[in-house]
PDB file of all heavy atoms in Angstrom:
ATOM      1  N   GLU A   1      64.294 158.229  93.503  1.00  0.00           N
ATOM      2  CA  GLU A   1      65.240 158.705  94.511  1.00  0.00           C
ATOM      3  C   GLU A   1      66.633 158.903  93.915  1.00  0.00           C
ATOM      4  O   GLU A   1      67.298 159.918  94.149  1.00  0.00           O
ATOM      5  CB  GLU A   1      65.294 157.704  95.660  1.00  0.00           C
ATOM      6  CG  GLU A   1      66.277 158.068  96.765  1.00  0.00           C
ATOM      7  CD  GLU A   1      66.354 156.995  97.836  1.00  0.00           C
ATOM      8  OE1 GLU A   1      65.751 155.926  97.659  1.00  0.00           O
ATOM      9  OE2 GLU A   1      67.037 157.231  98.838  1.00  0.00           O
ATOM     10  N   GLN A   2      67.075 157.937  93.101  1.00  0.00           N
ATOM     11  CA  GLN A   2      68.392 158.035  92.486  1.00  0.00           C
ATOM     12  C   GLN A   2      68.457 159.173  91.469  1.00  0.00           C
ATOM     13  O   GLN A   2      69.396 159.969  91.460  1.00  0.00           O
ATOM     14  CB  GLN A   2      68.761 156.703  91.817  1.00  0.00           C
ATOM     15  CG  GLN A   2      68.949 155.541  92.777  1.00  0.00           C
ATOM     16  CD  GLN A   2      70.160 155.716  93.672  1.00  0.00           C
ATOM     17  OE1 GLN A   2      71.136 156.361  93.302  1.00  0.00           O
ATOM     18  NE2 GLN A   2      70.094 155.136  94.863  1.00  0.00           N
ATOM     19  N   TYR A   3      67.458 159.246  90.613  1.00  0.00           N
ATOM     20  CA  TYR A   3      67.471 160.240  89.538  1.00  0.00           C
ATOM     21  C   TYR A   3      67.363 161.650  90.112  1.00  0.00           C
ATOM     22  O   TYR A   3      68.087 162.567  89.683  1.00  0.00           O
ATOM     23  CB  TYR A   3      66.319 159.951  88.571  1.00  0.00           C
ATOM     24  CG  TYR A   3      66.287 160.841  87.357  1.00  0.00           C
ATOM     25  CD1 TYR A   3      67.249 160.712  86.357  1.00  0.00           C
ATOM     26  CD2 TYR A   3      65.300 161.812  87.195  1.00  0.00           C
ATOM     27  CE1 TYR A   3      67.224 161.527  85.226  1.00  0.00           C
ATOM     28  CE2 TYR A   3      65.262 162.620  86.073  1.00  0.00           C
ATOM     29  CZ  TYR A   3      66.234 162.470  85.092  1.00  0.00           C
ATOM     30  OH  TYR A   3      66.203 163.281  83.983  1.00  0.00           O
ATOM     31  N   ALA A   4      66.479 161.836  91.094  1.00  0.00           N
ATOM     32  CA  ALA A   4      66.340 163.154  91.717  1.00  0.00           C
ATOM     33  C   ALA A   4      67.610 163.560  92.441  1.00  0.00           C
ATOM     34  O   ALA A   4      67.869 164.761  92.635  1.00  0.00           O
ATOM     35  CB  ALA A   4      65.157 163.151  92.684  1.00  0.00           C
ATOM     36  N   GLY A   5      68.422 162.567  92.832  1.00  0.00           N
ATOM     37  CA  GLY A   5      69.688 162.844  93.493  1.00  0.00           C
ATOM     38  C   GLY A   5      70.850 163.046  92.541  1.00  0.00           C
ATOM     39  O   GLY A   5      72.000 163.134  92.987  1.00  0.00           O
ATOM     40  N   GLY A   6      70.579 163.101  91.233  1.00  0.00           N
ATOM     41  CA  GLY A   6      71.633 163.403  90.278  1.00  0.00           C
ATOM     42  C   GLY A   6      72.199 162.227  89.519  1.00  0.00           C
ATOM     43  O   GLY A   6      73.167 162.385  88.765  1.00  0.00           O
ATOM     44  N   ALA A   7      71.634 161.047  89.672  1.00  0.00           N
ATOM     45  CA  ALA A   7      72.172 159.868  88.992  1.00  0.00           C
ATOM     46  C   ALA A   7      71.657 159.777  87.555  1.00  0.00           C
ATOM     47  O   ALA A   7      70.551 160.228  87.240  1.00  0.00           O
ATOM     48  CB  ALA A   7      71.794 158.598  89.759  1.00  0.00           C
ATOM     49  N   THR A   8      72.464 159.183  86.695  1.00  0.00           N
ATOM     50  CA  THR A   8      72.086 158.921  85.306  1.00  0.00           C
ATOM     51  C   THR A   8      71.494 157.519  85.205  1.00  0.00           C
ATOM     52  O   THR A   8      72.039 156.555  85.762  1.00  0.00           O
ATOM     53  CB  THR A   8      73.305 159.035  84.377  1.00  0.00           C
ATOM     54  OG1 THR A   8      73.682 160.412  84.275  1.00  0.00           O
ATOM     55  CG2 THR A   8      73.007 158.511  82.987  1.00  0.00           C
ATOM     56  N   LEU A   9      70.366 157.416  84.489  1.00  0.00           N
ATOM     57  CA  LEU A   9      69.718 156.128  84.252  1.00  0.00           C
ATOM     58  C   LEU A   9      70.124 155.626  82.874  1.00  0.00           C
ATOM     59  O   LEU A   9      70.052 156.377  81.895  1.00  0.00           O
ATOM     60  CB  LEU A   9      68.199 156.270  84.322  1.00  0.00           C
ATOM     61  CG  LEU A   9      67.615 157.003  85.531  1.00  0.00           C
ATOM     62  CD1 LEU A   9      66.086 157.020  85.443  1.00  0.00           C
ATOM     63  CD2 LEU A   9      68.068 156.362  86.839  1.00  0.00           C
ATOM     64  N   VAL A  10      70.534 154.370  82.806  1.00  0.00           N
ATOM     65  CA  VAL A  10      70.934 153.765  81.538  1.00  0.00           C
ATOM     66  C   VAL A  10      70.002 152.593  81.260  1.00  0.00           C
ATOM     67  O   VAL A  10      70.094 151.546  81.911  1.00  0.00           O
ATOM     68  CB  VAL A  10      72.397 153.275  81.562  1.00  0.00           C
ATOM     69  CG1 VAL A  10      72.796 152.781  80.166  1.00  0.00           C
ATOM     70  CG2 VAL A  10      73.327 154.383  82.035  1.00  0.00           C
ATOM     71  N   LEU A  11      69.088 152.794  80.335  1.00  0.00           N
ATOM     72  CA  LEU A  11      68.180 151.722  79.911  1.00  0.00           C
ATOM     73  C   LEU A  11      68.880 150.921  78.817  1.00  0.00           C
ATOM     74  O   LEU A  11      69.183 151.453  77.742  1.00  0.00           O
ATOM     75  CB  LEU A  11      66.870 152.311  79.405  1.00  0.00           C
ATOM     76  CG  LEU A  11      65.950 152.857  80.489  1.00  0.00           C
ATOM     77  CD1 LEU A  11      64.935 153.822  79.906  1.00  0.00           C
ATOM     78  CD2 LEU A  11      65.258 151.729  81.230  1.00  0.00           C
ATOM     79  N   GLN A  12      69.148 149.654  79.093  1.00  0.00           N
ATOM     80  CA  GLN A  12      69.961 148.835  78.212  1.00  0.00           C
ATOM     81  C   GLN A  12      69.111 147.865  77.389  1.00  0.00           C
ATOM     82  O   GLN A  12      68.023 147.479  77.799  1.00  0.00           O
ATOM     83  CB  GLN A  12      70.982 148.035  79.033  1.00  0.00           C
ATOM     84  CG  GLN A  12      71.899 148.900  79.856  1.00  0.00           C
ATOM     85  CD  GLN A  12      73.070 148.126  80.420  1.00  0.00           C
ATOM     86  OE1 GLN A  12      74.205 148.552  80.306  1.00  0.00           O
ATOM     87  NE2 GLN A  12      72.813 147.017  81.050  1.00  0.00           N
ATOM     88  N   GLY A  13      69.656 147.473  76.247  1.00  0.00           N
ATOM     89  CA  GLY A  13      69.017 146.443  75.439  1.00  0.00           C
ATOM     90  C   GLY A  13      67.673 146.851  74.867  1.00  0.00           C
ATOM     91  O   GLY A  13      66.798 145.996  74.682  1.00  0.00           O
ATOM     92  N   LEU A  14      67.508 148.137  74.532  1.00  0.00           N
ATOM     93  CA  LEU A  14      66.223 148.589  74.004  1.00  0.00           C
ATOM     94  C   LEU A  14      65.924 148.003  72.624  1.00  0.00           C
ATOM     95  O   LEU A  14      64.772 147.995  72.193  1.00  0.00           O
ATOM     96  CB  LEU A  14      66.184 150.119  73.948  1.00  0.00           C
ATOM     97  CG  LEU A  14      66.184 150.817  75.310  1.00  0.00           C
ATOM     98  CD1 LEU A  14      66.287 152.326  75.128  1.00  0.00           C
ATOM     99  CD2 LEU A  14      64.933 150.474  76.107  1.00  0.00           C
ATOM    100  N   HIS A  15      66.948 147.505  71.951  1.00  0.00           N
ATOM    101  CA  HIS A  15      66.712 146.827  70.669  1.00  0.00           C
ATOM    102  C   HIS A  15      66.029 145.484  70.860  1.00  0.00           C
ATOM    103  O   HIS A  15      65.661 144.835  69.884  1.00  0.00           O
ATOM    104  CB  HIS A  15      68.054 146.624  69.938  1.00  0.00           C
ATOM    105  CG  HIS A  15      69.029 145.788  70.704  1.00  0.00           C
ATOM    106  ND1 HIS A  15      69.612 146.210  71.884  1.00  0.00           N
ATOM    107  CD2 HIS A  15      69.522 144.542  70.482  1.00  0.00           C
ATOM    108  CE1 HIS A  15      70.410 145.273  72.338  1.00  0.00           C
ATOM    109  NE2 HIS A  15      70.376 144.249  71.516  1.00  0.00           N
ATOM    110  N   ARG A  16      65.831 145.091  72.131  1.00  0.00           N
ATOM    111  CA  ARG A  16      65.105 143.859  72.439  1.00  0.00           C
ATOM    112  C   ARG A  16      63.787 144.129  73.160  1.00  0.00           C
ATOM    113  O   ARG A  16      62.949 143.234  73.259  1.00  0.00           O
ATOM    114  CB  ARG A  16      65.972 142.943  73.326  1.00  0.00           C
ATOM    115  CG  ARG A  16      67.204 142.412  72.653  1.00  0.00           C
ATOM    116  CD  ARG A  16      66.888 141.307  71.639  1.00  0.00           C
ATOM    117  NE  ARG A  16      66.376 140.119  72.309  1.00  0.00           N
ATOM    118  CZ  ARG A  16      65.246 139.493  71.993  1.00  0.00           C
ATOM    119  NH1 ARG A  16      64.504 139.950  71.014  1.00  0.00           N
ATOM    120  NH2 ARG A  16      64.860 138.426  72.645  1.00  0.00           N
ATOM    121  N   THR A  17      63.596 145.350  73.683  1.00  0.00           N
ATOM    122  CA  THR A  17      62.434 145.594  74.541  1.00  0.00           C
ATOM    123  C   THR A  17      61.490 146.677  74.036  1.00  0.00           C
ATOM    124  O   THR A  17      60.355 146.755  74.519  1.00  0.00           O
ATOM    125  CB  THR A  17      62.891 145.985  75.969  1.00  0.00           C
ATOM    126  OG1 THR A  17      63.672 147.195  75.897  1.00  0.00           O
ATOM    127  CG2 THR A  17      63.706 144.881  76.607  1.00  0.00           C
ATOM    128  N   TRP A  18      61.919 147.551  73.115  1.00  0.00           N
ATOM    129  CA  TRP A  18      61.052 148.656  72.695  1.00  0.00           C
ATOM    130  C   TRP A  18      60.775 148.539  71.198  1.00  0.00           C
ATOM    131  O   TRP A  18      61.691 148.561  70.384  1.00  0.00           O
ATOM    132  CB  TRP A  18      61.683 150.003  73.023  1.00  0.00           C
ATOM    133  CG  TRP A  18      60.669 151.094  72.992  1.00  0.00           C
ATOM    134  CD1 TRP A  18      60.518 152.052  72.050  1.00  0.00           C
ATOM    135  CD2 TRP A  18      59.614 151.307  73.957  1.00  0.00           C
ATOM    136  NE1 TRP A  18      59.440 152.864  72.360  1.00  0.00           N
ATOM    137  CE2 TRP A  18      58.876 152.430  73.519  1.00  0.00           C
ATOM    138  CE3 TRP A  18      59.232 150.663  75.140  1.00  0.00           C
ATOM    139  CZ2 TRP A  18      57.780 152.919  74.228  1.00  0.00           C
ATOM    140  CZ3 TRP A  18      58.145 151.146  75.835  1.00  0.00           C
ATOM    141  CH2 TRP A  18      57.432 152.263  75.387  1.00  0.00           C
ATOM    142  N   PRO A  19      59.492 148.404  70.799  1.00  0.00           N
ATOM    143  CA  PRO A  19      59.164 148.066  69.410  1.00  0.00           C
ATOM    144  C   PRO A  19      59.811 148.959  68.350  1.00  0.00           C
ATOM    145  O   PRO A  19      60.366 148.465  67.374  1.00  0.00           O
ATOM    146  CB  PRO A  19      57.638 148.170  69.381  1.00  0.00           C
ATOM    147  CG  PRO A  19      57.223 147.828  70.776  1.00  0.00           C
ATOM    148  CD  PRO A  19      58.283 148.422  71.666  1.00  0.00           C
ATOM    149  N   ALA A  20      59.736 150.279  68.520  1.00  0.00           N
ATOM    150  CA  ALA A  20      60.287 151.161  67.486  1.00  0.00           C
ATOM    151  C   ALA A  20      61.782 150.959  67.328  1.00  0.00           C
ATOM    152  O   ALA A  20      62.328 151.036  66.216  1.00  0.00           O
ATOM    153  CB  ALA A  20      59.977 152.616  67.828  1.00  0.00           C
ATOM    154  N   LEU A  21      62.467 150.683  68.426  1.00  0.00           N
ATOM    155  CA  LEU A  21      63.912 150.496  68.364  1.00  0.00           C
ATOM    156  C   LEU A  21      64.280 149.099  67.893  1.00  0.00           C
ATOM    157  O   LEU A  21      65.369 148.899  67.327  1.00  0.00           O
ATOM    158  CB  LEU A  21      64.540 150.803  69.723  1.00  0.00           C
ATOM    159  CG  LEU A  21      64.528 152.290  70.072  1.00  0.00           C
ATOM    160  CD1 LEU A  21      64.986 152.519  71.505  1.00  0.00           C
ATOM    161  CD2 LEU A  21      65.409 153.086  69.109  1.00  0.00           C
ATOM    162  N   ILE A  22      63.419 148.132  68.103  1.00  0.00           N
ATOM    163  CA  ILE A  22      63.639 146.796  67.532  1.00  0.00           C
ATOM    164  C   ILE A  22      63.717 146.914  66.009  1.00  0.00           C
ATOM    165  O   ILE A  22      64.634 146.397  65.363  1.00  0.00           O
ATOM    166  CB  ILE A  22      62.521 145.829  67.951  1.00  0.00           C
ATOM    167  CG1 ILE A  22      62.607 145.532  69.455  1.00  0.00           C
ATOM    168  CG2 ILE A  22      62.594 144.532  67.151  1.00  0.00           C
ATOM    169  CD1 ILE A  22      61.425 144.735  69.990  1.00  0.00           C
ATOM    170  N   ASP A  23      62.756 147.635  65.428  1.00  0.00           N
ATOM    171  CA  ASP A  23      62.715 147.786  63.976  1.00  0.00           C
ATOM    172  C   ASP A  23      63.861 148.660  63.470  1.00  0.00           C
ATOM    173  O   ASP A  23      64.506 148.346  62.458  1.00  0.00           O
ATOM    174  CB  ASP A  23      61.375 148.382  63.550  1.00  0.00           C
ATOM    175  CG  ASP A  23      60.203 147.469  63.879  1.00  0.00           C
ATOM    176  OD1 ASP A  23      60.420 146.255  64.050  1.00  0.00           O
ATOM    177  OD2 ASP A  23      59.065 147.976  63.978  1.00  0.00           O
ATOM    178  N   PHE A  24      64.120 149.755  64.158  1.00  0.00           N
ATOM    179  CA  PHE A  24      65.183 150.670  63.730  1.00  0.00           C
ATOM    180  C   PHE A  24      66.548 149.991  63.773  1.00  0.00           C
ATOM    181  O   PHE A  24      67.345 150.116  62.823  1.00  0.00           O
ATOM    182  CB  PHE A  24      65.177 151.909  64.625  1.00  0.00           C
ATOM    183  CG  PHE A  24      66.279 152.875  64.331  1.00  0.00           C
ATOM    184  CD1 PHE A  24      66.260 153.654  63.181  1.00  0.00           C
ATOM    185  CD2 PHE A  24      67.349 153.015  65.205  1.00  0.00           C
ATOM    186  CE1 PHE A  24      67.287 154.555  62.912  1.00  0.00           C
ATOM    187  CE2 PHE A  24      68.376 153.905  64.940  1.00  0.00           C
ATOM    188  CZ  PHE A  24      68.348 154.678  63.790  1.00  0.00           C
ATOM    189  N   ALA A  25      66.827 149.263  64.835  1.00  0.00           N
ATOM    190  CA  ALA A  25      68.119 148.592  64.952  1.00  0.00           C
ATOM    191  C   ALA A  25      68.289 147.535  63.870  1.00  0.00           C
ATOM    192  O   ALA A  25      69.389 147.347  63.326  1.00  0.00           O
ATOM    193  CB  ALA A  25      68.265 147.972  66.340  1.00  0.00           C
ATOM    194  N   ARG A  26      67.201 146.839  63.539  1.00  0.00           N
ATOM    195  CA  ARG A  26      67.286 145.831  62.480  1.00  0.00           C
ATOM    196  C   ARG A  26      67.610 146.485  61.136  1.00  0.00           C
ATOM    197  O   ARG A  26      68.481 146.024  60.393  1.00  0.00           O
ATOM    198  CB  ARG A  26      65.974 145.055  62.393  1.00  0.00           C
ATOM    199  CG  ARG A  26      65.999 143.902  61.401  1.00  0.00           C
ATOM    200  CD  ARG A  26      64.652 143.196  61.351  1.00  0.00           C
ATOM    201  NE  ARG A  26      63.601 144.053  60.819  1.00  0.00           N
ATOM    202  CZ  ARG A  26      62.582 144.523  61.545  1.00  0.00           C
ATOM    203  NH1 ARG A  26      62.456 144.215  62.801  1.00  0.00           N
ATOM    204  NH2 ARG A  26      61.659 145.303  60.980  1.00  0.00           N
ATOM    205  N   ASP A  27      66.933 147.593  60.822  1.00  0.00           N
ATOM    206  CA  ASP A  27      67.165 148.274  59.548  1.00  0.00           C
ATOM    207  C   ASP A  27      68.563 148.883  59.488  1.00  0.00           C
ATOM    208  O   ASP A  27      69.270 148.765  58.480  1.00  0.00           O
ATOM    209  CB  ASP A  27      66.114 149.364  59.329  1.00  0.00           C
ATOM    210  CG  ASP A  27      64.718 148.802  59.109  1.00  0.00           C
ATOM    211  OD1 ASP A  27      64.602 147.579  58.904  1.00  0.00           O
ATOM    212  OD2 ASP A  27      63.748 149.580  59.150  1.00  0.00           O
ATOM    213  N   LEU A  28      68.977 149.549  60.563  1.00  0.00           N
ATOM    214  CA  LEU A  28      70.302 150.161  60.570  1.00  0.00           C
ATOM    215  C   LEU A  28      71.392 149.090  60.537  1.00  0.00           C
ATOM    216  O   LEU A  28      72.427 149.265  59.882  1.00  0.00           O
ATOM    217  CB  LEU A  28      70.466 151.049  61.808  1.00  0.00           C
ATOM    218  CG  LEU A  28      71.780 151.811  61.933  1.00  0.00           C
ATOM    219  CD1 LEU A  28      72.014 152.707  60.728  1.00  0.00           C
ATOM    220  CD2 LEU A  28      71.817 152.619  63.229  1.00  0.00           C
ATOM    221  N   GLY A  29      71.147 147.968  61.212  1.00  0.00           N
ATOM    222  CA  GLY A  29      72.105 146.874  61.173  1.00  0.00           C
ATOM    223  C   GLY A  29      72.301 146.334  59.775  1.00  0.00           C
ATOM    224  O   GLY A  29      73.417 145.950  59.387  1.00  0.00           O
ATOM    225  N   LEU A  30      71.219 146.301  58.986  1.00  0.00           N
ATOM    226  CA  LEU A  30      71.346 145.864  57.597  1.00  0.00           C
ATOM    227  C   LEU A  30      72.179 146.862  56.798  1.00  0.00           C
ATOM    228  O   LEU A  30      73.041 146.481  56.005  1.00  0.00           O
ATOM    229  CB  LEU A  30      69.971 145.713  56.959  1.00  0.00           C
ATOM    230  CG  LEU A  30      69.981 145.411  55.452  1.00  0.00           C
ATOM    231  CD1 LEU A  30      70.659 144.083  55.171  1.00  0.00           C
ATOM    232  CD2 LEU A  30      68.572 145.412  54.882  1.00  0.00           C
ATOM    233  N   ALA A  31      71.948 148.157  57.003  1.00  0.00           N
ATOM    234  CA  ALA A  31      72.704 149.176  56.266  1.00  0.00           C
ATOM    235  C   ALA A  31      74.196 149.082  56.563  1.00  0.00           C
ATOM    236  O   ALA A  31      75.028 149.296  55.675  1.00  0.00           O
ATOM    237  CB  ALA A  31      72.178 150.563  56.623  1.00  0.00           C
ATOM    238  N   LEU A  32      74.534 148.755  57.794  1.00  0.00           N
ATOM    239  CA  LEU A  32      75.935 148.695  58.198  1.00  0.00           C
ATOM    240  C   LEU A  32      76.530 147.302  58.049  1.00  0.00           C
ATOM    241  O   LEU A  32      77.753 147.141  58.091  1.00  0.00           O
ATOM    242  CB  LEU A  32      76.075 149.146  59.660  1.00  0.00           C
ATOM    243  CG  LEU A  32      75.624 150.569  59.969  1.00  0.00           C
ATOM    244  CD1 LEU A  32      75.655 150.815  61.463  1.00  0.00           C
ATOM    245  CD2 LEU A  32      76.499 151.591  59.250  1.00  0.00           C
ATOM    246  N   GLY A  33      75.664 146.289  57.914  1.00  0.00           N
ATOM    247  CA  GLY A  33      76.145 144.915  57.851  1.00  0.00           C
ATOM    248  C   GLY A  33      76.689 144.426  59.170  1.00  0.00           C
ATOM    249  O   GLY A  33      77.564 143.546  59.210  1.00  0.00           O
ATOM    250  N   GLN A  34      76.204 144.984  60.284  1.00  0.00           N
ATOM    251  CA  GLN A  34      76.747 144.656  61.607  1.00  0.00           C
ATOM    252  C   GLN A  34      75.608 144.533  62.624  1.00  0.00           C
ATOM    253  O   GLN A  34      74.583 145.212  62.504  1.00  0.00           O
ATOM    254  CB  GLN A  34      77.701 145.755  62.095  1.00  0.00           C
ATOM    255  CG  GLN A  34      78.809 146.122  61.126  1.00  0.00           C
ATOM    256  CD  GLN A  34      79.847 145.038  60.952  1.00  0.00           C
ATOM    257  OE1 GLN A  34      79.906 144.095  61.730  1.00  0.00           O
ATOM    258  NE2 GLN A  34      80.670 145.153  59.918  1.00  0.00           N
ATOM    259  N   PRO A  35      75.788 143.708  63.659  1.00  0.00           N
ATOM    260  CA  PRO A  35      74.799 143.665  64.746  1.00  0.00           C
ATOM    261  C   PRO A  35      74.894 144.904  65.621  1.00  0.00           C
ATOM    262  O   PRO A  35      75.980 145.474  65.795  1.00  0.00           O
ATOM    263  CB  PRO A  35      75.193 142.400  65.526  1.00  0.00           C
ATOM    264  CG  PRO A  35      76.642 142.199  65.230  1.00  0.00           C
ATOM    265  CD  PRO A  35      76.860 142.715  63.838  1.00  0.00           C
ATOM    266  N   LEU A  36      73.746 145.313  66.176  1.00  0.00           N
ATOM    267  CA  LEU A  36      73.671 146.552  66.952  1.00  0.00           C
ATOM    268  C   LEU A  36      73.066 146.295  68.327  1.00  0.00           C
ATOM    269  O   LEU A  36      72.334 145.329  68.539  1.00  0.00           O
ATOM    270  CB  LEU A  36      72.799 147.589  66.240  1.00  0.00           C
ATOM    271  CG  LEU A  36      73.121 147.942  64.788  1.00  0.00           C
ATOM    272  CD1 LEU A  36      72.112 148.972  64.286  1.00  0.00           C
ATOM    273  CD2 LEU A  36      74.523 148.463  64.646  1.00  0.00           C
ATOM    274  N   GLN A  37      73.353 147.208  69.235  1.00  0.00           N
ATOM    275  CA  GLN A  37      72.650 147.276  70.513  1.00  0.00           C
ATOM    276  C   GLN A  37      72.235 148.727  70.720  1.00  0.00           C
ATOM    277  O   GLN A  37      72.880 149.641  70.192  1.00  0.00           O
ATOM    278  CB  GLN A  37      73.553 146.826  71.666  1.00  0.00           C
ATOM    279  CG  GLN A  37      74.756 147.735  71.889  1.00  0.00           C
ATOM    280  CD  GLN A  37      75.671 147.243  72.989  1.00  0.00           C
ATOM    281  OE1 GLN A  37      76.086 146.094  72.971  1.00  0.00           O
ATOM    282  NE2 GLN A  37      75.985 148.120  73.932  1.00  0.00           N
ATOM    283  N   VAL A  38      71.162 148.949  71.481  1.00  0.00           N
ATOM    284  CA  VAL A  38      70.681 150.312  71.708  1.00  0.00           C
ATOM    285  C   VAL A  38      70.438 150.513  73.198  1.00  0.00           C
ATOM    286  O   VAL A  38      69.692 149.746  73.826  1.00  0.00           O
ATOM    287  CB  VAL A  38      69.376 150.600  70.928  1.00  0.00           C
ATOM    288  CG1 VAL A  38      68.962 152.059  71.139  1.00  0.00           C
ATOM    289  CG2 VAL A  38      69.551 150.312  69.444  1.00  0.00           C
ATOM    290  N   ASN A  39      71.076 151.546  73.747  1.00  0.00           N
ATOM    291  CA  ASN A  39      70.855 151.964  75.130  1.00  0.00           C
ATOM    292  C   ASN A  39      70.331 153.392  75.141  1.00  0.00           C
ATOM    293  O   ASN A  39      70.569 154.160  74.204  1.00  0.00           O
ATOM    294  CB  ASN A  39      72.154 151.919  75.946  1.00  0.00           C
ATOM    295  CG  ASN A  39      72.707 150.513  76.102  1.00  0.00           C
ATOM    296  OD1 ASN A  39      72.022 149.529  75.852  1.00  0.00           O
ATOM    297  ND2 ASN A  39      73.954 150.413  76.509  1.00  0.00           N
ATOM    298  N   ALA A  40      69.636 153.764  76.208  1.00  0.00           N
ATOM    299  CA  ALA A  40      69.198 155.147  76.408  1.00  0.00           C
ATOM    300  C   ALA A  40      69.816 155.677  77.693  1.00  0.00           C
ATOM    301  O   ALA A  40      69.906 154.957  78.702  1.00  0.00           O
ATOM    302  CB  ALA A  40      67.677 155.231  76.485  1.00  0.00           C
ATOM    303  N   TYR A  41      70.246 156.939  77.654  1.00  0.00           N
ATOM    304  CA  TYR A  41      70.869 157.596  78.808  1.00  0.00           C
ATOM    305  C   TYR A  41      70.015 158.788  79.210  1.00  0.00           C
ATOM    306  O   TYR A  41      69.800 159.707  78.409  1.00  0.00           O
ATOM    307  CB  TYR A  41      72.290 158.052  78.459  1.00  0.00           C
ATOM    308  CG  TYR A  41      73.255 156.912  78.239  1.00  0.00           C
ATOM    309  CD1 TYR A  41      73.221 156.166  77.074  1.00  0.00           C
ATOM    310  CD2 TYR A  41      74.195 156.564  79.213  1.00  0.00           C
ATOM    311  CE1 TYR A  41      74.096 155.104  76.872  1.00  0.00           C
ATOM    312  CE2 TYR A  41      75.073 155.503  79.021  1.00  0.00           C
ATOM    313  CZ  TYR A  41      75.015 154.783  77.842  1.00  0.00           C
ATOM    314  OH  TYR A  41      75.881 153.728  77.651  1.00  0.00           O
ATOM    315  N   LEU A  42      69.531 158.767  80.441  1.00  0.00           N
ATOM    316  CA  LEU A  42      68.724 159.853  80.987  1.00  0.00           C
ATOM    317  C   LEU A  42      69.516 160.510  82.110  1.00  0.00           C
ATOM    318  O   LEU A  42      69.800 159.882  83.133  1.00  0.00           O
ATOM    319  CB  LEU A  42      67.393 159.326  81.522  1.00  0.00           C
ATOM    320  CG  LEU A  42      66.496 158.649  80.483  1.00  0.00           C
ATOM    321  CD1 LEU A  42      66.459 157.145  80.712  1.00  0.00           C
ATOM    322  CD2 LEU A  42      65.091 159.219  80.546  1.00  0.00           C
ATOM    323  N   THR A  43      69.875 161.772  81.912  1.00  0.00           N
ATOM    324  CA  THR A  43      70.750 162.473  82.849  1.00  0.00           C
ATOM    325  C   THR A  43      70.045 163.719  83.378  1.00  0.00           C
ATOM    326  O   THR A  43      69.527 164.517  82.592  1.00  0.00           O
ATOM    327  CB  THR A  43      72.068 162.884  82.153  1.00  0.00           C
ATOM    328  OG1 THR A  43      72.655 161.725  81.557  1.00  0.00           O
ATOM    329  CG2 THR A  43      73.040 163.474  83.146  1.00  0.00           C
ATOM    330  N   PRO A  44      70.035 163.916  84.704  1.00  0.00           N
ATOM    331  CA  PRO A  44      69.407 165.122  85.269  1.00  0.00           C
ATOM    332  C   PRO A  44      70.176 166.383  84.880  1.00  0.00           C
ATOM    333  O   PRO A  44      71.334 166.318  84.466  1.00  0.00           O
ATOM    334  CB  PRO A  44      69.482 164.876  86.779  1.00  0.00           C
ATOM    335  CG  PRO A  44      69.780 163.428  86.945  1.00  0.00           C
ATOM    336  CD  PRO A  44      70.550 163.016  85.742  1.00  0.00           C
ATOM    337  N   PRO A  45      69.544 167.559  85.016  1.00  0.00           N
ATOM    338  CA  PRO A  45      70.201 168.814  84.633  1.00  0.00           C
ATOM    339  C   PRO A  45      71.560 168.984  85.301  1.00  0.00           C
ATOM    340  O   PRO A  45      71.718 168.738  86.507  1.00  0.00           O
ATOM    341  CB  PRO A  45      69.219 169.891  85.111  1.00  0.00           C
ATOM    342  CG  PRO A  45      67.895 169.209  85.151  1.00  0.00           C
ATOM    343  CD  PRO A  45      68.184 167.790  85.533  1.00  0.00           C
TER     344      PRO A  45
END
């Protein structure tokens, strides 16, 4: 209902909940020497 009405969905903390992003965030964090967080933004047209 929200998304069809034009709202943006923000999936937060994907570095803790989605396997591919858990691994990617760990590797990128090593390259940068910093802790990371990953969110996804889904926006209607």
